């Protein structure tokens, strides 16, 4: 009887080794599949980013009539970004007030502080009739 129970233990151990080996092989297979999925996710994200950039380059009037309240959020955001993108005929310059410490941006003027054209500090830039913005 002792030999029979010993054979069962040995047989069970060999079966466990086989099951363990199969589980390890399955894990290797799953790791490979996971790596494939991660690569696919990266490719899809890149494709999505390229598609978004292509939409941003389209003229502002493209697909405006197709957007409604029922449209998906991505289309609404793309429309908003096309309609309200930054101006390309001016560029900003950062300023900081020495008196108040407030900071902000203002368009760069070609005539700023040039005596015959610029009337600073009597007239602010916003009220100046001789502003000449520098292009981007």
N, C-alpha and C. Protein backbone atom coordinates (compact mmCIF):
# COMPACT_ATOMS: atom_id res chain seq x y z
N UNK A 1 0.81 -1.19 0.00
CA UNK A 1 0.00 0.00 0.00
C UNK A 1 0.85 1.25 0.00
N UNK A 2 1.95 1.20 0.68
CA UNK A 2 2.80 2.38 0.73
C UNK A 2 3.35 2.71 -0.65
N UNK A 3 3.65 1.74 -1.46
CA UNK A 3 4.17 1.98 -2.79
C UNK A 3 3.12 2.65 -3.66
N UNK A 4 1.89 2.26 -3.51
CA UNK A 4 0.81 2.83 -4.29
C UNK A 4 0.60 4.30 -3.94
N UNK A 5 0.60 4.64 -2.68
CA UNK A 5 0.42 6.04 -2.29
C UNK A 5 1.63 6.88 -2.72
N UNK A 6 2.82 6.27 -2.71
CA UNK A 6 4.02 6.98 -3.17
C UNK A 6 3.93 7.24 -4.67
N UNK A 7 3.42 6.27 -5.43
CA UNK A 7 3.24 6.46 -6.86
C UNK A 7 2.25 7.59 -7.13
N UNK A 8 1.18 7.67 -6.32
CA UNK A 8 0.19 8.74 -6.48
C UNK A 8 0.84 10.10 -6.25
N UNK A 9 1.69 10.20 -5.24
CA UNK A 9 2.36 11.46 -4.95
C UNK A 9 3.29 11.83 -6.10
N UNK A 10 4.04 10.86 -6.62
CA UNK A 10 4.95 11.12 -7.73
C UNK A 10 4.16 11.50 -8.97
N UNK A 11 3.10 10.75 -9.24
CA UNK A 11 2.27 11.05 -10.40
C UNK A 11 1.63 12.42 -10.25
N UNK A 12 1.17 12.74 -9.08
CA UNK A 12 0.57 14.04 -8.84
C UNK A 12 1.61 15.14 -9.00
N UNK A 13 2.81 14.91 -8.54
CA UNK A 13 3.87 15.90 -8.69
C UNK A 13 4.21 16.11 -10.16
N UNK A 14 4.28 15.04 -10.93
CA UNK A 14 4.57 15.20 -12.36
C UNK A 14 3.42 15.90 -13.07
N UNK A 15 2.20 15.59 -12.66
CA UNK A 15 1.05 16.30 -13.24
C UNK A 15 1.09 17.78 -12.88
N UNK A 16 1.47 18.07 -11.65
CA UNK A 16 1.58 19.47 -11.23
C UNK A 16 2.68 20.18 -12.01
N UNK A 17 3.79 19.49 -12.23
CA UNK A 17 4.87 20.08 -13.03
C UNK A 17 4.38 20.40 -14.45
N UNK A 18 3.61 19.47 -15.02
CA UNK A 18 3.06 19.69 -16.36
C UNK A 18 2.11 20.89 -16.36
N UNK A 19 1.23 20.94 -15.38
CA UNK A 19 0.29 22.07 -15.28
C UNK A 19 1.03 23.39 -15.07
N UNK A 20 2.06 23.35 -14.25
CA UNK A 20 2.86 24.54 -14.01
C UNK A 20 3.54 25.00 -15.29
N UNK A 21 4.09 24.06 -16.04
CA UNK A 21 4.73 24.39 -17.31
C UNK A 21 3.73 24.99 -18.29
N UNK A 22 2.53 24.42 -18.37
CA UNK A 22 1.50 24.95 -19.26
C UNK A 22 1.09 26.36 -18.84
N UNK A 23 0.97 26.58 -17.54
CA UNK A 23 0.59 27.91 -17.05
C UNK A 23 1.67 28.94 -17.37
N UNK A 24 2.94 28.54 -17.23
CA UNK A 24 4.04 29.46 -17.56
C UNK A 24 4.06 29.78 -19.04
N UNK A 25 3.80 28.76 -19.90
CA UNK A 25 3.74 29.00 -21.34
C UNK A 25 2.58 29.94 -21.69
N UNK A 26 1.46 29.75 -21.04
CA UNK A 26 0.31 30.62 -21.27
C UNK A 26 0.62 32.06 -20.85
N UNK A 27 1.35 32.20 -19.75
CA UNK A 27 1.73 33.53 -19.30
C UNK A 27 2.67 34.21 -20.30
N UNK A 28 3.61 33.46 -20.86
CA UNK A 28 4.50 34.01 -21.89
C UNK A 28 3.67 34.45 -23.10
N UNK A 29 2.70 33.62 -23.49
CA UNK A 29 1.82 33.97 -24.60
C UNK A 29 1.02 35.24 -24.29
N UNK A 30 0.52 35.34 -23.08
CA UNK A 30 -0.25 36.53 -22.69
C UNK A 30 0.63 37.78 -22.66
N UNK A 31 1.88 37.64 -22.23
CA UNK A 31 2.81 38.78 -22.25
C UNK A 31 3.04 39.26 -23.67
N UNK A 32 3.18 38.31 -24.60
CA UNK A 32 3.37 38.67 -26.01
C UNK A 32 2.13 39.39 -26.54
N UNK A 33 0.95 38.89 -26.20
CA UNK A 33 -0.30 39.55 -26.63
C UNK A 33 -0.41 40.95 -26.03
N UNK A 34 -0.02 41.09 -24.78
CA UNK A 34 -0.06 42.40 -24.12
C UNK A 34 0.85 43.38 -24.84
N UNK A 35 2.04 42.93 -25.21
CA UNK A 35 2.97 43.80 -25.95
C UNK A 35 2.37 44.21 -27.29
N UNK A 36 1.70 43.27 -27.97
CA UNK A 36 1.04 43.59 -29.24
C UNK A 36 -0.04 44.65 -29.03
N UNK A 37 -0.84 44.49 -27.98
CA UNK A 37 -1.89 45.47 -27.69
C UNK A 37 -1.31 46.84 -27.37
N UNK A 38 -0.22 46.89 -26.63
CA UNK A 38 0.41 48.17 -26.31
C UNK A 38 0.91 48.85 -27.57
N UNK A 39 1.49 48.09 -28.50
CA UNK A 39 1.94 48.68 -29.76
C UNK A 39 0.76 49.19 -30.57
N UNK A 40 -0.33 48.42 -30.58
CA UNK A 40 -1.52 48.85 -31.31
C UNK A 40 -2.08 50.14 -30.71
N UNK A 41 -2.09 50.24 -29.40
CA UNK A 41 -2.58 51.45 -28.73
C UNK A 41 -1.71 52.64 -29.10
N UNK A 42 -0.40 52.48 -29.12
CA UNK A 42 0.49 53.57 -29.50
C UNK A 42 0.24 54.01 -30.94
N UNK A 43 0.07 53.04 -31.86
CA UNK A 43 -0.20 53.38 -33.26
C UNK A 43 -1.51 54.14 -33.39
N UNK A 44 -2.55 53.69 -32.68
CA UNK A 44 -3.85 54.35 -32.76
C UNK A 44 -3.80 55.76 -32.20
N UNK A 45 -3.07 55.95 -31.10
CA UNK A 45 -2.93 57.30 -30.53
C UNK A 45 -2.21 58.22 -31.50
N UNK A 46 -1.16 57.72 -32.14
CA UNK A 46 -0.43 58.53 -33.12
C UNK A 46 -1.34 58.88 -34.29
N UNK A 47 -2.09 57.91 -34.77
CA UNK A 47 -3.01 58.15 -35.87
C UNK A 47 -4.07 59.18 -35.49
N UNK A 48 -4.59 59.07 -34.25
CA UNK A 48 -5.57 60.04 -33.77
C UNK A 48 -4.98 61.44 -33.72
N UNK A 49 -3.74 61.57 -33.21
CA UNK A 49 -3.09 62.88 -33.13
C UNK A 49 -2.87 63.47 -34.52
N UNK A 50 -2.45 62.63 -35.47
CA UNK A 50 -2.25 63.12 -36.84
C UNK A 50 -3.57 63.55 -37.45
N UNK A 51 -4.64 62.82 -37.18
CA UNK A 51 -5.96 63.19 -37.70
C UNK A 51 -6.42 64.51 -37.09
N UNK A 52 -6.15 64.72 -35.81
CA UNK A 52 -6.52 65.97 -35.15
C UNK A 52 -5.76 67.14 -35.74
N UNK A 53 -4.48 66.93 -36.02
CA UNK A 53 -3.68 67.99 -36.63
C UNK A 53 -4.18 68.30 -38.03
N UNK A 54 -4.58 67.29 -38.78
CA UNK A 54 -5.11 67.51 -40.12
C UNK A 54 -6.40 68.31 -40.06
N UNK A 55 -7.24 68.05 -39.06
CA UNK A 55 -8.48 68.82 -38.91
C UNK A 55 -8.18 70.28 -38.58
N UNK A 56 -7.14 70.51 -37.78
CA UNK A 56 -6.80 71.88 -37.38
C UNK A 56 -6.28 72.69 -38.55
N UNK A 57 -5.73 72.03 -39.57
CA UNK A 57 -5.16 72.73 -40.72
C UNK A 57 -6.23 73.10 -41.72
N UNK A 58 -7.39 72.44 -41.69
CA UNK A 58 -8.45 72.71 -42.65
C UNK A 58 -8.95 74.15 -42.49
N UNK A 59 -9.46 74.74 -43.58
CA UNK A 59 -10.01 76.09 -43.49
C UNK A 59 -11.17 76.15 -42.50
N UNK A 60 -11.41 77.34 -41.90
CA UNK A 60 -12.43 77.47 -40.86
C UNK A 60 -13.83 77.08 -41.29
N UNK A 61 -14.20 77.25 -42.56
CA UNK A 61 -15.57 76.97 -42.98
C UNK A 61 -15.83 75.49 -43.26
N UNK A 62 -14.84 74.65 -43.13
CA UNK A 62 -15.01 73.23 -43.42
C UNK A 62 -15.91 72.58 -42.38
N UNK A 63 -16.94 71.90 -42.83
CA UNK A 63 -17.83 71.08 -42.00
C UNK A 63 -18.60 71.87 -40.95
N UNK A 64 -18.70 73.17 -41.04
CA UNK A 64 -19.41 73.94 -40.02
C UNK A 64 -20.89 73.57 -39.99
N UNK A 65 -21.50 73.40 -41.14
CA UNK A 65 -22.93 73.09 -41.17
C UNK A 65 -23.23 71.69 -40.65
N UNK A 66 -22.24 70.81 -40.64
CA UNK A 66 -22.47 69.44 -40.19
C UNK A 66 -22.50 69.32 -38.66
N UNK A 67 -22.06 70.34 -37.93
CA UNK A 67 -21.99 70.28 -36.48
C UNK A 67 -23.32 70.76 -35.90
N UNK A 68 -23.91 69.92 -35.03
CA UNK A 68 -25.17 70.27 -34.36
C UNK A 68 -25.04 69.95 -32.88
N UNK A 69 -26.11 70.20 -32.13
CA UNK A 69 -26.11 69.85 -30.70
C UNK A 69 -25.98 68.35 -30.50
N UNK A 70 -26.37 67.58 -31.50
CA UNK A 70 -26.30 66.12 -31.40
C UNK A 70 -24.92 65.58 -31.78
N UNK A 71 -24.04 66.43 -32.29
CA UNK A 71 -22.70 65.98 -32.70
C UNK A 71 -21.90 65.51 -31.50
N UNK A 72 -20.92 64.65 -31.77
CA UNK A 72 -20.11 64.14 -30.66
C UNK A 72 -19.16 65.23 -30.16
N UNK A 73 -18.70 65.12 -28.93
CA UNK A 73 -17.85 66.15 -28.33
C UNK A 73 -16.57 66.42 -29.11
N UNK A 74 -15.97 65.39 -29.72
CA UNK A 74 -14.73 65.60 -30.47
C UNK A 74 -14.95 66.55 -31.64
N UNK A 75 -16.07 66.39 -32.37
CA UNK A 75 -16.37 67.28 -33.48
C UNK A 75 -16.63 68.70 -33.00
N UNK A 76 -17.32 68.84 -31.88
CA UNK A 76 -17.59 70.17 -31.34
C UNK A 76 -16.30 70.87 -30.93
N UNK A 77 -15.41 70.13 -30.30
CA UNK A 77 -14.12 70.70 -29.89
C UNK A 77 -13.29 71.09 -31.10
N UNK A 78 -13.28 70.23 -32.13
CA UNK A 78 -12.53 70.55 -33.35
C UNK A 78 -13.07 71.82 -34.00
N UNK A 79 -14.40 71.97 -34.03
CA UNK A 79 -15.01 73.18 -34.59
C UNK A 79 -14.59 74.41 -33.79
N UNK A 80 -14.67 74.33 -32.48
CA UNK A 80 -14.29 75.44 -31.62
C UNK A 80 -12.83 75.85 -31.86
N UNK A 81 -11.95 74.87 -31.94
CA UNK A 81 -10.53 75.17 -32.13
C UNK A 81 -10.27 75.80 -33.50
N UNK A 82 -11.03 75.36 -34.53
CA UNK A 82 -10.84 75.96 -35.86
C UNK A 82 -11.34 77.40 -35.87
N UNK A 83 -12.46 77.66 -35.19
CA UNK A 83 -13.04 79.00 -35.23
C UNK A 83 -12.31 80.00 -34.34
N UNK A 84 -11.75 79.55 -33.24
CA UNK A 84 -11.16 80.46 -32.27
C UNK A 84 -9.66 80.25 -32.09
N UNK A 85 -8.98 79.88 -33.14
CA UNK A 85 -7.53 79.73 -33.03
C UNK A 85 -6.89 81.11 -32.94
N UNK A 86 -5.66 81.14 -32.51
CA UNK A 86 -4.96 82.41 -32.31
C UNK A 86 -4.72 83.17 -33.61
N UNK A 87 -4.56 84.45 -33.49
CA UNK A 87 -4.27 85.29 -34.65
C UNK A 87 -2.88 85.01 -35.15
N UNK A 88 -2.72 85.04 -36.46
CA UNK A 88 -1.41 84.80 -37.06
C UNK A 88 -0.78 86.09 -37.57
N UNK A 89 -1.51 87.20 -37.49
CA UNK A 89 -0.96 88.47 -37.97
C UNK A 89 -0.26 89.25 -36.87
N UNK A 90 -0.30 88.78 -35.65
CA UNK A 90 0.40 89.43 -34.53
C UNK A 90 1.00 88.37 -33.63
N UNK A 91 1.95 88.78 -32.81
CA UNK A 91 2.43 87.86 -31.78
C UNK A 91 2.56 88.62 -30.47
N UNK A 92 2.41 87.91 -29.35
CA UNK A 92 2.39 88.58 -28.05
C UNK A 92 3.78 88.78 -27.45
N UNK A 93 3.86 89.80 -26.60
CA UNK A 93 5.06 90.04 -25.81
C UNK A 93 4.61 90.12 -24.36
N UNK A 94 5.32 89.44 -23.50
CA UNK A 94 4.96 89.43 -22.08
C UNK A 94 5.46 90.71 -21.42
N UNK A 95 4.64 91.25 -20.54
CA UNK A 95 5.06 92.42 -19.78
C UNK A 95 4.76 92.19 -18.31
N UNK A 96 5.45 92.94 -17.47
CA UNK A 96 5.19 92.89 -16.04
C UNK A 96 5.29 94.31 -15.51
N UNK A 97 4.26 94.75 -14.81
CA UNK A 97 4.22 96.10 -14.27
C UNK A 97 5.16 96.21 -13.07
N UNK A 98 6.04 97.19 -13.11
CA UNK A 98 6.96 97.40 -11.99
C UNK A 98 6.22 97.93 -10.77
N UNK A 99 5.15 98.70 -11.00
CA UNK A 99 4.40 99.29 -9.89
C UNK A 99 3.49 98.27 -9.20
N UNK A 100 2.69 97.57 -9.99
CA UNK A 100 1.70 96.67 -9.39
C UNK A 100 2.13 95.21 -9.35
N UNK A 101 3.11 94.85 -10.18
CA UNK A 101 3.55 93.46 -10.24
C UNK A 101 2.66 92.60 -11.13
N UNK A 102 1.63 93.18 -11.73
CA UNK A 102 0.76 92.42 -12.61
C UNK A 102 1.49 92.11 -13.91
N UNK A 103 1.19 90.96 -14.48
CA UNK A 103 1.82 90.55 -15.73
C UNK A 103 0.75 90.23 -16.75
N UNK A 104 1.12 90.29 -18.01
CA UNK A 104 0.19 89.98 -19.08
C UNK A 104 0.91 89.95 -20.41
N UNK A 105 0.12 89.92 -21.47
CA UNK A 105 0.67 89.89 -22.82
C UNK A 105 0.01 90.99 -23.64
N UNK A 106 0.76 91.54 -24.58
CA UNK A 106 0.22 92.53 -25.49
C UNK A 106 0.82 92.30 -26.86
N UNK A 107 0.12 92.70 -27.94
CA UNK A 107 0.68 92.53 -29.27
C UNK A 107 1.94 93.39 -29.44
N UNK A 108 2.91 92.87 -30.16
CA UNK A 108 4.15 93.61 -30.40
C UNK A 108 3.89 94.66 -31.47
N UNK A 109 4.23 95.91 -31.16
CA UNK A 109 4.03 97.03 -32.08
C UNK A 109 5.38 97.48 -32.62
N UNK A 110 5.42 97.65 -33.92
CA UNK A 110 6.65 98.10 -34.58
C UNK A 110 7.01 99.52 -34.17
N UNK A 111 6.03 100.34 -33.84
CA UNK A 111 6.26 101.75 -33.52
C UNK A 111 6.39 102.02 -32.02
N UNK A 112 6.39 100.99 -31.20
CA UNK A 112 6.42 101.20 -29.75
C UNK A 112 7.67 101.98 -29.34
N UNK A 113 7.47 103.07 -28.61
CA UNK A 113 8.48 103.96 -28.07
C UNK A 113 9.28 104.71 -29.14
N UNK A 114 8.84 104.71 -30.39
CA UNK A 114 9.49 105.52 -31.42
C UNK A 114 8.80 106.88 -31.40
N UNK A 115 9.58 107.93 -31.11
CA UNK A 115 9.05 109.27 -30.79
C UNK A 115 7.98 109.83 -31.73
N UNK A 116 8.19 109.95 -32.99
CA UNK A 116 7.13 110.62 -33.76
C UNK A 116 5.83 109.81 -33.85
N UNK A 117 5.90 108.50 -33.70
CA UNK A 117 4.72 107.66 -33.85
C UNK A 117 4.05 107.30 -32.54
N UNK A 118 4.84 106.95 -31.55
CA UNK A 118 4.31 106.44 -30.29
C UNK A 118 4.13 107.58 -29.29
N UNK A 119 2.95 107.66 -28.70
CA UNK A 119 2.65 108.72 -27.73
C UNK A 119 2.64 108.18 -26.30
N UNK A 120 3.33 107.08 -26.06
CA UNK A 120 3.42 106.54 -24.70
C UNK A 120 4.16 107.53 -23.84
N UNK A 121 3.88 107.68 -22.62
CA UNK A 121 2.86 107.05 -21.80
C UNK A 121 1.55 107.82 -21.77
N UNK A 122 1.44 108.93 -22.53
CA UNK A 122 0.20 109.71 -22.52
C UNK A 122 -0.97 108.90 -23.08
N UNK A 123 -0.74 108.20 -24.16
CA UNK A 123 -1.79 107.40 -24.80
C UNK A 123 -1.40 105.92 -24.69
N UNK A 124 -2.35 105.13 -24.23
CA UNK A 124 -2.09 103.69 -24.13
C UNK A 124 -2.11 103.05 -25.52
N UNK A 125 -1.49 101.90 -25.63
CA UNK A 125 -1.41 101.21 -26.92
C UNK A 125 -2.80 100.91 -27.50
N UNK A 126 -3.74 100.55 -26.65
CA UNK A 126 -5.08 100.22 -27.12
C UNK A 126 -5.78 101.39 -27.79
N UNK A 127 -5.43 102.63 -27.44
CA UNK A 127 -6.06 103.80 -28.02
C UNK A 127 -5.23 104.47 -29.10
N UNK A 128 -4.11 103.90 -29.47
CA UNK A 128 -3.20 104.49 -30.45
C UNK A 128 -3.68 104.21 -31.87
N UNK A 129 -3.70 105.26 -32.68
CA UNK A 129 -4.11 105.13 -34.08
C UNK A 129 -2.96 104.69 -34.98
N UNK A 130 -1.75 104.72 -34.47
CA UNK A 130 -0.57 104.41 -35.29
C UNK A 130 0.06 103.05 -34.94
N UNK A 131 -0.73 102.16 -34.41
CA UNK A 131 -0.18 100.84 -34.08
C UNK A 131 0.12 100.06 -35.35
N UNK A 132 1.30 99.46 -35.38
CA UNK A 132 1.73 98.60 -36.49
C UNK A 132 2.16 97.27 -35.89
N UNK A 133 1.30 96.28 -35.96
CA UNK A 133 1.63 94.98 -35.39
C UNK A 133 2.66 94.25 -36.25
N UNK A 134 3.58 93.59 -35.57
CA UNK A 134 4.55 92.75 -36.28
C UNK A 134 3.95 91.36 -36.47
N UNK A 135 4.08 90.79 -37.68
CA UNK A 135 3.50 89.46 -37.92
C UNK A 135 4.29 88.36 -37.23
N UNK A 136 3.65 87.21 -37.11
CA UNK A 136 4.28 86.06 -36.46
C UNK A 136 5.45 85.62 -37.22
